[in-house]
Amino acid sequence: MTDLTRFDGVFTALVTPFTDSGEIDWAAFDRLIDRQLEAGIAGLVPVGTTGEAATLDEDEALAVIAHTVRRAGNAAYVLAGTGSNVTKKTVSATRRAVEAGAHGVLLITPYYNKPSAEGLIAHFGAAAEAAGAADVMLYSVPGRTGVAIAPDTAAELARSHRNIVAIKEAGGDPARVTALRAACGQGFVVHCGDDGLALPFFALGARGLTSVLSNWRPAEVVALYRAWAEGRQDEALSLHDWLSPLAASMFCEASPGPVKRALAMEGVISDGVRLPLVPLSAKGDALLRAAMAGAGLLNSRA
């Protein structure tokens, strides 16, 4: 059986920091990545939804991926977001990301188009061929795209393309873990795509978590995974209870606005986002600060 331990642990869906003028802030990006590596994050996911991929042009996206590869070195797996709702663009972005050194690619379901199962199979299959020997992780997030990847569709893709080996499941339903494992078998990885559901996903057989919250609290999210993996269930549950309100606060408004604001409070990056997103509102800021206060994280600097 193929060794899939490279997917074990926490992968951070990296934000893309911007300067006041709206350009990519590379110094801030380095600070962010270094924090992740110091905390023991297993994987880095540049140019995903959290990285505002839809607002990056093709050259910017490739630059972010290549920079992540260089900065991470051999310390973390790099899973590059290369999916879009245009197959030709997805194929091109996938090929370029692999050439830049990404270990794998994360492919979101085509949004707006709402393709059929046959369309998904053809779309993902074309991208998998472009990926060559690199891993492919499918990404099912119907709340953003309008289309879920059915378990039998994932199974068909895994059977027909050896490098399609995982799925990021972000539909909010833990029962999907069981359905995906039953359809796809033991040689296929399920990654949780929702911080608040990490613990139940792990209990049902997910091997890892692709996290938004870990941009800001990497050590604590890693501690949750390790407590579960090492059989310290009471500790894992306690960490889950502590992290849960913080995880919810990351989506009090459109992501990544809240997590960028939390990072900005600690001086890691600015909270700038690109239109059509706007910075966190006063109401959202109050919700975030309430969650921080409840967790004992609000200090005088914030």
C-alpha atoms as a PDB file:
ATOM      1  CA  MET A   1       0.000   0.000   0.000  1.00  0.00           C
ATOM      2  CA  THR A   2       1.221   3.519  -0.786  1.00  0.00           C
ATOM      3  CA  ASP A   3       2.657   5.400   2.201  1.00  0.00           C
ATOM      4  CA  LEU A   4       0.254   8.223   2.885  1.00  0.00           C
ATOM      5  CA  THR A   5       1.791   9.476   6.134  1.00  0.00           C
ATOM      6  CA  ARG A   6       2.864  12.642   4.319  1.00  0.00           C
ATOM      7  CA  PHE A   7      -0.731  13.822   4.761  1.00  0.00           C
ATOM      8  CA  ASP A   8      -0.828  13.196   8.513  1.00  0.00           C
ATOM      9  CA  GLY A   9      -1.129  16.252  10.715  1.00  0.00           C
ATOM     10  CA  VAL A  10      -2.106  19.872  10.252  1.00  0.00           C
ATOM     11  CA  PHE A  11      -1.787  21.723   6.951  1.00  0.00           C
ATOM     12  CA  THR A  12      -2.211  25.497   7.075  1.00  0.00           C
ATOM     13  CA  ALA A  13      -4.307  27.136   4.363  1.00  0.00           C
ATOM     14  CA  LEU A  14      -2.023  30.153   4.173  1.00  0.00           C
ATOM     15  CA  VAL A  15      -3.331  33.685   3.907  1.00  0.00           C
ATOM     16  CA  THR A  16      -1.637  35.966   1.379  1.00  0.00           C
ATOM     17  CA  PRO A  17      -0.427  39.123   3.147  1.00  0.00           C
ATOM     18  CA  PHE A  18      -0.681  42.430   1.296  1.00  0.00           C
ATOM     19  CA  THR A  19       1.057  45.769   1.742  1.00  0.00           C
ATOM     20  CA  ASP A  20      -0.893  49.010   2.157  1.00  0.00           C
ATOM     21  CA  SER A  21      -0.617  49.488  -1.605  1.00  0.00           C
ATOM     22  CA  GLY A  22      -2.138  46.064  -2.275  1.00  0.00           C
ATOM     23  CA  GLU A  23       0.999  44.231  -3.377  1.00  0.00           C
ATOM     24  CA  ILE A  24       2.098  40.914  -1.879  1.00  0.00           C
ATOM     25  CA  ASP A  25       4.026  41.533   1.344  1.00  0.00           C
ATOM     26  CA  TRP A  26       6.862  39.029   1.099  1.00  0.00           C
ATOM     27  CA  ALA A  27       8.476  39.935   4.420  1.00  0.00           C
ATOM     28  CA  ALA A  28       5.169  39.350   6.208  1.00  0.00           C
ATOM     29  CA  PHE A  29       4.695  36.111   4.288  1.00  0.00           C
ATOM     30  CA  ASP A  30       8.075  34.899   5.518  1.00  0.00           C
ATOM     31  CA  ARG A  31       7.124  35.722   9.118  1.00  0.00           C
ATOM     32  CA  LEU A  32       3.908  33.774   8.669  1.00  0.00           C
ATOM     33  CA  ILE A  33       5.622  30.714   7.186  1.00  0.00           C
ATOM     34  CA  ASP A  34       8.345  30.712   9.822  1.00  0.00           C
ATOM     35  CA  ARG A  35       5.724  30.704  12.590  1.00  0.00           C
ATOM     36  CA  GLN A  36       4.105  27.697  10.972  1.00  0.00           C
ATOM     37  CA  LEU A  37       7.330  25.723  10.738  1.00  0.00           C
ATOM     38  CA  GLU A  38       8.344  26.558  14.307  1.00  0.00           C
ATOM     39  CA  ALA A  39       4.984  25.242  15.542  1.00  0.00           C
ATOM     40  CA  GLY A  40       5.378  21.905  13.773  1.00  0.00           C
ATOM     41  CA  ILE A  41       2.877  22.385  10.959  1.00  0.00           C
ATOM     42  CA  ALA A  42       3.130  19.406   8.589  1.00  0.00           C
ATOM     43  CA  GLY A  43       1.952  21.104   5.414  1.00  0.00           C
ATOM     44  CA  LEU A  44       1.553  24.516   3.838  1.00  0.00           C
ATOM     45  CA  VAL A  45      -1.220  25.319   1.371  1.00  0.00           C
ATOM     46  CA  PRO A  46      -0.505  28.467  -0.651  1.00  0.00           C
ATOM     47  CA  VAL A  47      -3.033  29.992  -3.073  1.00  0.00           C
ATOM     48  CA  GLY A  48      -6.102  28.288  -1.661  1.00  0.00           C
ATOM     49  CA  THR A  49      -9.410  29.938  -0.868  1.00  0.00           C
ATOM     50  CA  THR A  50      -7.909  31.397   2.320  1.00  0.00           C
ATOM     51  CA  GLY A  51      -5.054  32.789   0.244  1.00  0.00           C
ATOM     52  CA  GLU A  52      -7.520  34.829  -1.839  1.00  0.00           C
ATOM     53  CA  ALA A  53      -6.591  32.829  -4.919  1.00  0.00           C
ATOM     54  CA  ALA A  54      -9.442  34.345  -6.923  1.00  0.00           C
ATOM     55  CA  THR A  55      -7.855  37.804  -6.651  1.00  0.00           C
ATOM     56  CA  LEU A  56      -4.294  36.790  -7.565  1.00  0.00           C
ATOM     57  CA  ASP A  57      -3.218  36.892 -11.183  1.00  0.00           C
ATOM     58  CA  GLU A  58      -1.421  33.863 -12.637  1.00  0.00           C
ATOM     59  CA  ASP A  59       2.072  35.256 -12.101  1.00  0.00           C
ATOM     60  CA  GLU A  60       1.317  36.263  -8.518  1.00  0.00           C
ATOM     61  CA  ALA A  61      -0.109  32.832  -7.742  1.00  0.00           C
ATOM     62  CA  LEU A  62       2.956  31.096  -9.126  1.00  0.00           C
ATOM     63  CA  ALA A  63       5.251  33.461  -7.230  1.00  0.00           C
ATOM     64  CA  VAL A  64       3.464  32.702  -3.942  1.00  0.00           C
ATOM     65  CA  ILE A  65       3.769  28.952  -4.560  1.00  0.00           C
ATOM     66  CA  ALA A  66       7.450  29.136  -5.521  1.00  0.00           C
ATOM     67  CA  HIS A  67       8.207  31.351  -2.524  1.00  0.00           C
ATOM     68  CA  THR A  68       6.500  28.892  -0.187  1.00  0.00           C
ATOM     69  CA  VAL A  69       8.522  26.013  -1.627  1.00  0.00           C
ATOM     70  CA  ARG A  70      11.788  27.892  -1.115  1.00  0.00           C
ATOM     71  CA  ARG A  71      10.977  29.117   2.376  1.00  0.00           C
ATOM     72  CA  ALA A  72       9.708  25.749   3.615  1.00  0.00           C
ATOM     73  CA  GLY A  73      12.637  23.781   2.220  1.00  0.00           C
ATOM     74  CA  ASN A  74      12.280  20.224   3.448  1.00  0.00           C
ATOM     75  CA  ALA A  75      10.453  21.217   6.620  1.00  0.00           C
ATOM     76  CA  ALA A  76       6.879  20.924   5.330  1.00  0.00           C
ATOM     77  CA  TYR A  77       4.824  19.433   2.521  1.00  0.00           C
ATOM     78  CA  VAL A  78       3.671  22.088   0.049  1.00  0.00           C
ATOM     79  CA  LEU A  79       0.171  21.592  -1.374  1.00  0.00           C
ATOM     80  CA  ALA A  80      -0.497  24.305  -3.936  1.00  0.00           C
ATOM     81  CA  GLY A  81      -3.978  25.508  -4.774  1.00  0.00           C
ATOM     82  CA  THR A  82      -4.278  25.347  -8.558  1.00  0.00           C
ATOM     83  CA  GLY A  83      -7.970  24.726  -9.144  1.00  0.00           C
ATOM     84  CA  SER A  84     -10.402  27.036 -10.893  1.00  0.00           C
ATOM     85  CA  ASN A  85     -13.647  26.797 -12.831  1.00  0.00           C
ATOM     86  CA  VAL A  86     -11.767  26.714 -16.148  1.00  0.00           C
ATOM     87  CA  THR A  87     -10.131  23.382 -16.949  1.00  0.00           C
ATOM     88  CA  LYS A  88      -7.522  24.897 -19.263  1.00  0.00           C
ATOM     89  CA  LYS A  89      -6.407  27.331 -16.561  1.00  0.00           C
ATOM     90  CA  THR A  90      -6.398  24.587 -13.937  1.00  0.00           C
ATOM     91  CA  VAL A  91      -4.194  22.373 -16.110  1.00  0.00           C
ATOM     92  CA  SER A  92      -1.757  25.217 -16.766  1.00  0.00           C
ATOM     93  CA  ALA A  93      -1.612  26.297 -13.127  1.00  0.00           C
ATOM     94  CA  THR A  94      -1.113  22.696 -11.993  1.00  0.00           C
ATOM     95  CA  ARG A  95       1.751  22.128 -14.387  1.00  0.00           C
ATOM     96  CA  ARG A  96       3.464  25.354 -13.349  1.00  0.00           C
ATOM     97  CA  ALA A  97       3.050  24.661  -9.626  1.00  0.00           C
ATOM     98  CA  VAL A  98       4.623  21.208  -9.950  1.00  0.00           C
ATOM     99  CA  GLU A  99       7.485  22.667 -11.965  1.00  0.00           C
ATOM    100  CA  ALA A 100       7.985  25.189  -9.140  1.00  0.00           C
ATOM    101  CA  GLY A 101       8.463  22.350  -6.666  1.00  0.00           C
ATOM    102  CA  ALA A 102       5.056  21.808  -5.070  1.00  0.00           C
ATOM    103  CA  HIS A 103       4.669  18.285  -3.701  1.00  0.00           C
ATOM    104  CA  GLY A 104       0.978  18.205  -4.525  1.00  0.00           C
ATOM    105  CA  VAL A 105      -1.927  20.297  -5.757  1.00  0.00           C
ATOM    106  CA  LEU A 106      -5.313  21.093  -4.256  1.00  0.00           C
ATOM    107  CA  LEU A 107      -8.131  21.187  -6.809  1.00  0.00           C
ATOM    108  CA  ILE A 108     -11.388  22.901  -5.914  1.00  0.00           C
ATOM    109  CA  THR A 109     -14.579  21.880  -7.692  1.00  0.00           C
ATOM    110  CA  PRO A 110     -15.363  24.261 -10.570  1.00  0.00           C
ATOM    111  CA  TYR A 111     -17.506  27.043  -9.133  1.00  0.00           C
ATOM    112  CA  TYR A 112     -20.384  28.757 -10.939  1.00  0.00           C
ATOM    113  CA  ASN A 113     -20.401  26.169 -13.771  1.00  0.00           C
ATOM    114  CA  LYS A 114     -22.004  23.467 -11.554  1.00  0.00           C
ATOM    115  CA  PRO A 115     -20.669  20.551 -13.640  1.00  0.00           C
ATOM    116  CA  SER A 116     -22.138  17.048 -13.605  1.00  0.00           C
ATOM    117  CA  ALA A 117     -20.274  14.072 -12.159  1.00  0.00           C
ATOM    118  CA  GLU A 118     -19.011  13.308 -15.673  1.00  0.00           C
ATOM    119  CA  GLY A 119     -17.790  16.880 -15.982  1.00  0.00           C
ATOM    120  CA  LEU A 120     -15.977  16.678 -12.641  1.00  0.00           C
ATOM    121  CA  ILE A 121     -14.295  13.427 -13.652  1.00  0.00           C
ATOM    122  CA  ALA A 122     -13.085  14.916 -16.927  1.00  0.00           C
ATOM    123  CA  HIS A 123     -11.957  18.166 -15.273  1.00  0.00           C
ATOM    124  CA  PHE A 124     -10.050  16.571 -12.412  1.00  0.00           C
ATOM    125  CA  GLY A 125      -8.667  13.881 -14.693  1.00  0.00           C
ATOM    126  CA  ALA A 126      -7.126  16.461 -17.012  1.00  0.00           C
ATOM    127  CA  ALA A 127      -5.508  18.242 -14.071  1.00  0.00           C
ATOM    128  CA  ALA A 128      -4.239  14.962 -12.606  1.00  0.00           C
ATOM    129  CA  GLU A 129      -2.515  14.143 -15.878  1.00  0.00           C
ATOM    130  CA  ALA A 130      -0.890  17.583 -15.857  1.00  0.00           C
ATOM    131  CA  ALA A 131       0.356  16.961 -12.302  1.00  0.00           C
ATOM    132  CA  GLY A 132       2.507  14.050 -13.416  1.00  0.00           C
ATOM    133  CA  ALA A 133       3.864  12.241 -10.372  1.00  0.00           C
ATOM    134  CA  ALA A 134       2.723  14.921  -7.922  1.00  0.00           C
ATOM    135  CA  ASP A 135      -0.145  14.243  -5.527  1.00  0.00           C
ATOM    136  CA  VAL A 136      -3.646  15.526  -6.204  1.00  0.00           C
ATOM    137  CA  MET A 137      -6.018  16.395  -3.373  1.00  0.00           C
ATOM    138  CA  LEU A 138      -9.600  17.050  -4.425  1.00  0.00           C
ATOM    139  CA  TYR A 139     -11.448  19.834  -2.615  1.00  0.00           C
ATOM    140  CA  SER A 140     -15.162  19.575  -1.929  1.00  0.00           C
ATOM    141  CA  VAL A 141     -16.628  22.780  -0.501  1.00  0.00           C
ATOM    142  CA  PRO A 142     -20.207  23.074  -1.806  1.00  0.00           C
ATOM    143  CA  GLY A 143     -20.925  26.148   0.308  1.00  0.00           C
ATOM    144  CA  ARG A 144     -18.536  28.111  -1.907  1.00  0.00           C
ATOM    145  CA  THR A 145     -18.872  26.315  -5.243  1.00  0.00           C
ATOM    146  CA  GLY A 146     -22.410  24.917  -5.333  1.00  0.00           C
ATOM    147  CA  VAL A 147     -21.108  21.421  -6.153  1.00  0.00           C
ATOM    148  CA  ALA A 148     -20.060  18.576  -3.845  1.00  0.00           C
ATOM    149  CA  ILE A 149     -17.880  15.674  -4.917  1.00  0.00           C
ATOM    150  CA  ALA A 150     -19.944  12.523  -4.434  1.00  0.00           C
ATOM    151  CA  PRO A 151     -18.108   9.606  -2.813  1.00  0.00           C
ATOM    152  CA  ASP A 152     -18.533   7.415  -5.901  1.00  0.00           C
ATOM    153  CA  THR A 153     -17.127  10.235  -8.065  1.00  0.00           C
ATOM    154  CA  ALA A 154     -14.079  10.485  -5.803  1.00  0.00           C
ATOM    155  CA  ALA A 155     -13.722   6.705  -5.972  1.00  0.00           C
ATOM    156  CA  GLU A 156     -13.844   6.699  -9.761  1.00  0.00           C
ATOM    157  CA  LEU A 157     -11.186   9.392  -9.916  1.00  0.00           C
ATOM    158  CA  ALA A 158      -8.944   7.534  -7.456  1.00  0.00           C
ATOM    159  CA  ARG A 159      -9.286   4.321  -9.475  1.00  0.00           C
ATOM    160  CA  SER A 160      -8.486   5.963 -12.804  1.00  0.00           C
ATOM    161  CA  HIS A 161      -5.644   8.258 -11.670  1.00  0.00           C
ATOM    162  CA  ARG A 162      -3.027   6.902  -9.287  1.00  0.00           C
ATOM    163  CA  ASN A 163      -1.975  10.368  -8.139  1.00  0.00           C
ATOM    164  CA  ILE A 164      -5.476  11.360  -6.976  1.00  0.00           C
ATOM    165  CA  VAL A 165      -4.951  10.225  -3.418  1.00  0.00           C
ATOM    166  CA  ALA A 166      -6.865  12.581  -1.118  1.00  0.00           C
ATOM    167  CA  ILE A 167      -9.795  14.892  -0.606  1.00  0.00           C
ATOM    168  CA  LYS A 168     -10.262  17.978   1.529  1.00  0.00           C
ATOM    169  CA  GLU A 169     -13.800  17.621   2.814  1.00  0.00           C
ATOM    170  CA  ALA A 170     -15.350  20.952   3.771  1.00  0.00           C
ATOM    171  CA  GLY A 171     -19.055  20.289   3.495  1.00  0.00           C
ATOM    172  CA  GLY A 172     -19.708  20.423   7.231  1.00  0.00           C
ATOM    173  CA  ASP A 173     -20.939  16.814   7.529  1.00  0.00           C
ATOM    174  CA  PRO A 174     -18.792  14.321   9.486  1.00  0.00           C
ATOM    175  CA  ALA A 175     -20.815  11.434   7.972  1.00  0.00           C
ATOM    176  CA  ARG A 176     -19.078  12.186   4.679  1.00  0.00           C
ATOM    177  CA  VAL A 177     -15.838  10.817   6.151  1.00  0.00           C
ATOM    178  CA  THR A 178     -17.375   7.365   6.502  1.00  0.00           C
ATOM    179  CA  ALA A 179     -18.968   7.519   3.063  1.00  0.00           C
ATOM    180  CA  LEU A 180     -15.723   8.597   1.392  1.00  0.00           C
ATOM    181  CA  ARG A 181     -13.652   5.962   3.177  1.00  0.00           C
ATOM    182  CA  ALA A 182     -16.149   3.254   2.259  1.00  0.00           C
ATOM    183  CA  ALA A 183     -16.188   4.278  -1.402  1.00  0.00           C
ATOM    184  CA  CYS A 184     -12.495   5.051  -1.878  1.00  0.00           C
ATOM    185  CA  GLY A 185     -10.768   2.502   0.349  1.00  0.00           C
ATOM    186  CA  GLN A 186      -7.799   2.652   2.673  1.00  0.00           C
ATOM    187  CA  GLY A 187      -5.428   4.055   0.061  1.00  0.00           C
ATOM    188  CA  PHE A 188      -7.266   7.364  -0.033  1.00  0.00           C
ATOM    189  CA  VAL A 189      -6.881  10.207   2.476  1.00  0.00           C
ATOM    190  CA  VAL A 190      -9.659  12.336   3.917  1.00  0.00           C
ATOM    191  CA  HIS A 191      -8.541  15.731   5.247  1.00  0.00           C
ATOM    192  CA  CYS A 192     -10.898  17.758   7.389  1.00  0.00           C
ATOM    193  CA  GLY A 193     -11.556  21.184   5.887  1.00  0.00           C
ATOM    194  CA  ASP A 194     -13.312  22.700   8.888  1.00  0.00           C
ATOM    195  CA  ASP A 195     -11.426  23.573  12.091  1.00  0.00           C
ATOM    196  CA  GLY A 196     -14.493  23.173  14.266  1.00  0.00           C
ATOM    197  CA  LEU A 197     -15.030  19.585  13.070  1.00  0.00           C
ATOM    198  CA  ALA A 198     -11.426  18.389  13.322  1.00  0.00           C
ATOM    199  CA  LEU A 199     -11.895  16.131  16.324  1.00  0.00           C
ATOM    200  CA  PRO A 200     -14.985  14.269  15.047  1.00  0.00           C
ATOM    201  CA  PHE A 201     -13.324  13.919  11.637  1.00  0.00           C
ATOM    202  CA  PHE A 202     -10.227  12.391  13.248  1.00  0.00           C
ATOM    203  CA  ALA A 203     -12.417   9.989  15.214  1.00  0.00           C
ATOM    204  CA  LEU A 204     -14.054   8.849  11.968  1.00  0.00           C
ATOM    205  CA  GLY A 205     -10.781   8.255  10.158  1.00  0.00           C
ATOM    206  CA  ALA A 206      -9.583  11.552   8.686  1.00  0.00           C
ATOM    207  CA  ARG A 207      -5.784  11.630   8.630  1.00  0.00           C
ATOM    208  CA  GLY A 208      -5.325  15.354   8.902  1.00  0.00           C
ATOM    209  CA  LEU A 209      -6.735  18.865   8.961  1.00  0.00           C
ATOM    210  CA  THR A 210      -6.382  21.697   6.474  1.00  0.00           C
ATOM    211  CA  SER A 211      -6.782  24.647   8.808  1.00  0.00           C
ATOM    212  CA  VAL A 212      -7.565  28.354   8.631  1.00  0.00           C
ATOM    213  CA  LEU A 213      -7.170  28.862  12.378  1.00  0.00           C
ATOM    214  CA  SER A 214      -3.588  27.560  12.321  1.00  0.00           C
ATOM    215  CA  ASN A 215      -2.471  30.707  10.500  1.00  0.00           C
ATOM    216  CA  TRP A 216      -2.984  32.403  13.857  1.00  0.00           C
ATOM    217  CA  ARG A 217      -2.797  29.593  16.461  1.00  0.00           C
ATOM    218  CA  PRO A 218      -0.540  26.987  14.823  1.00  0.00           C
ATOM    219  CA  ALA A 219       0.894  25.493  18.013  1.00  0.00           C
ATOM    220  CA  GLU A 220      -2.506  24.927  19.579  1.00  0.00           C
ATOM    221  CA  VAL A 221      -4.015  23.343  16.458  1.00  0.00           C
ATOM    222  CA  VAL A 222      -0.986  21.057  16.170  1.00  0.00           C
ATOM    223  CA  ALA A 223      -1.368  20.172  19.857  1.00  0.00           C
ATOM    224  CA  LEU A 224      -4.964  19.101  19.226  1.00  0.00           C
ATOM    225  CA  TYR A 225      -3.916  16.788  16.399  1.00  0.00           C
ATOM    226  CA  ARG A 226      -1.027  15.295  18.359  1.00  0.00           C
ATOM    227  CA  ALA A 227      -3.137  14.716  21.463  1.00  0.00           C
ATOM    228  CA  TRP A 228      -5.627  12.759  19.376  1.00  0.00           C
ATOM    229  CA  ALA A 229      -2.964  10.850  17.410  1.00  0.00           C
ATOM    230  CA  GLU A 230      -1.148   9.868  20.613  1.00  0.00           C
ATOM    231  CA  GLY A 231      -4.288   8.651  22.357  1.00  0.00           C
ATOM    232  CA  ARG A 232      -4.643  11.498  24.852  1.00  0.00           C
ATOM    233  CA  GLN A 233      -8.347  11.854  24.218  1.00  0.00           C
ATOM    234  CA  ASP A 234      -9.243  13.947  27.260  1.00  0.00           C
ATOM    235  CA  GLU A 235      -6.553  16.463  26.340  1.00  0.00           C
ATOM    236  CA  ALA A 236      -7.741  16.503  22.728  1.00  0.00           C
ATOM    237  CA  LEU A 237     -11.311  17.182  23.861  1.00  0.00           C
ATOM    238  CA  SER A 238     -10.173  19.976  26.163  1.00  0.00           C
ATOM    239  CA  LEU A 239      -8.231  21.606  23.335  1.00  0.00           C
ATOM    240  CA  HIS A 240     -11.212  21.198  21.021  1.00  0.00           C
ATOM    241  CA  ASP A 241     -13.449  22.957  23.541  1.00  0.00           C
ATOM    242  CA  TRP A 242     -10.952  25.825  23.889  1.00  0.00           C
ATOM    243  CA  LEU A 243     -10.342  26.192  20.157  1.00  0.00           C
ATOM    244  CA  SER A 244     -13.958  25.848  19.027  1.00  0.00           C
ATOM    245  CA  PRO A 245     -15.078  29.457  19.678  1.00  0.00           C
ATOM    246  CA  LEU A 246     -11.879  30.728  18.076  1.00  0.00           C
ATOM    247  CA  ALA A 247     -12.485  28.555  15.026  1.00  0.00           C
ATOM    248  CA  ALA A 248     -16.027  29.872  14.735  1.00  0.00           C
ATOM    249  CA  SER A 249     -14.773  33.445  14.960  1.00  0.00           C
ATOM    250  CA  MET A 250     -12.608  32.885  11.888  1.00  0.00           C
ATOM    251  CA  PHE A 251     -15.831  32.833   9.881  1.00  0.00           C
ATOM    252  CA  CYS A 252     -17.801  35.598  11.592  1.00  0.00           C
ATOM    253  CA  GLU A 253     -17.384  37.323   8.228  1.00  0.00           C
ATOM    254  CA  ALA A 254     -15.929  36.211   4.903  1.00  0.00           C
ATOM    255  CA  SER A 255     -12.600  34.443   5.323  1.00  0.00           C
ATOM    256  CA  PRO A 256      -9.768  35.419   5.458  1.00  0.00           C
ATOM    257  CA  GLY A 257     -10.838  38.767   6.912  1.00  0.00           C
ATOM    258  CA  PRO A 258     -11.121  37.552  10.528  1.00  0.00           C
ATOM    259  CA  VAL A 259      -7.888  35.547  10.596  1.00  0.00           C
ATOM    260  CA  LYS A 260      -6.007  38.408   8.966  1.00  0.00           C
ATOM    261  CA  ARG A 261      -7.333  40.776  11.636  1.00  0.00           C
ATOM    262  CA  ALA A 262      -6.232  38.365  14.388  1.00  0.00           C
ATOM    263  CA  LEU A 263      -2.757  38.158  12.861  1.00  0.00           C
ATOM    264  CA  ALA A 264      -2.623  41.933  12.485  1.00  0.00           C
ATOM    265  CA  MET A 265      -3.397  42.363  16.188  1.00  0.00           C
ATOM    266  CA  GLU A 266      -0.182  40.431  16.870  1.00  0.00           C
ATOM    267  CA  GLY A 267       1.869  42.379  14.327  1.00  0.00           C
ATOM    268  CA  VAL A 268       2.480  39.448  11.990  1.00  0.00           C
ATOM    269  CA  ILE A 269       0.795  40.849   8.871  1.00  0.00           C
ATOM    270  CA  SER A 270      -1.598  43.636   7.958  1.00  0.00           C
ATOM    271  CA  ASP A 271      -5.310  42.914   7.718  1.00  0.00           C
ATOM    272  CA  GLY A 272      -5.565  44.108   4.119  1.00  0.00           C
ATOM    273  CA  VAL A 273      -7.635  42.055   1.682  1.00  0.00           C
ATOM    274  CA  ARG A 274      -8.375  42.513  -1.999  1.00  0.00           C
ATOM    275  CA  LEU A 275     -11.723  43.525  -3.410  1.00  0.00           C
ATOM    276  CA  PRO A 276     -14.398  42.296  -3.538  1.00  0.00           C
ATOM    277  CA  LEU A 277     -13.503  41.445   0.066  1.00  0.00           C
ATOM    278  CA  VAL A 278     -13.174  44.293   2.541  1.00  0.00           C
ATOM    279  CA  PRO A 279     -11.527  44.386   5.976  1.00  0.00           C
ATOM    280  CA  LEU A 280     -13.411  43.103   8.975  1.00  0.00           C
ATOM    281  CA  SER A 281     -16.294  45.346  10.026  1.00  0.00           C
ATOM    282  CA  ALA A 282     -16.720  46.815  13.494  1.00  0.00           C
ATOM    283  CA  LYS A 283     -19.319  44.147  14.263  1.00  0.00           C
ATOM    284  CA  GLY A 284     -17.018  41.377  13.087  1.00  0.00           C
ATOM    285  CA  ASP A 285     -14.130  42.850  15.048  1.00  0.00           C
ATOM    286  CA  ALA A 286     -16.252  42.833  18.191  1.00  0.00           C
ATOM    287  CA  LEU A 287     -17.164  39.174  17.644  1.00  0.00           C
ATOM    288  CA  LEU A 288     -13.525  38.260  17.105  1.00  0.00           C
ATOM    289  CA  ARG A 289     -12.431  40.146  20.214  1.00  0.00           C
ATOM    290  CA  ALA A 290     -15.138  38.479  22.277  1.00  0.00           C
ATOM    291  CA  ALA A 291     -13.863  35.050  21.232  1.00  0.00           C
ATOM    292  CA  MET A 292     -10.302  36.109  21.998  1.00  0.00           C
ATOM    293  CA  ALA A 293     -11.305  37.425  25.405  1.00  0.00           C
ATOM    294  CA  GLY A 294     -13.155  34.207  26.196  1.00  0.00           C
ATOM    295  CA  ALA A 295      -9.993  32.245  25.393  1.00  0.00           C
ATOM    296  CA  GLY A 296      -7.811  34.572  27.469  1.00  0.00           C
ATOM    297  CA  LEU A 297      -5.976  35.857  24.400  1.00  0.00           C
ATOM    298  CA  LEU A 298      -6.949  39.527  24.393  1.00  0.00           C
ATOM    299  CA  ASN A 299      -4.095  41.618  25.712  1.00  0.00           C
ATOM    300  CA  SER A 300      -3.375  45.300  25.999  1.00  0.00           C
ATOM    301  CA  ARG A 301      -1.693  45.424  22.562  1.00  0.00           C
ATOM    302  CA  ALA A 302      -4.906  44.260  20.877  1.00  0.00           C
END
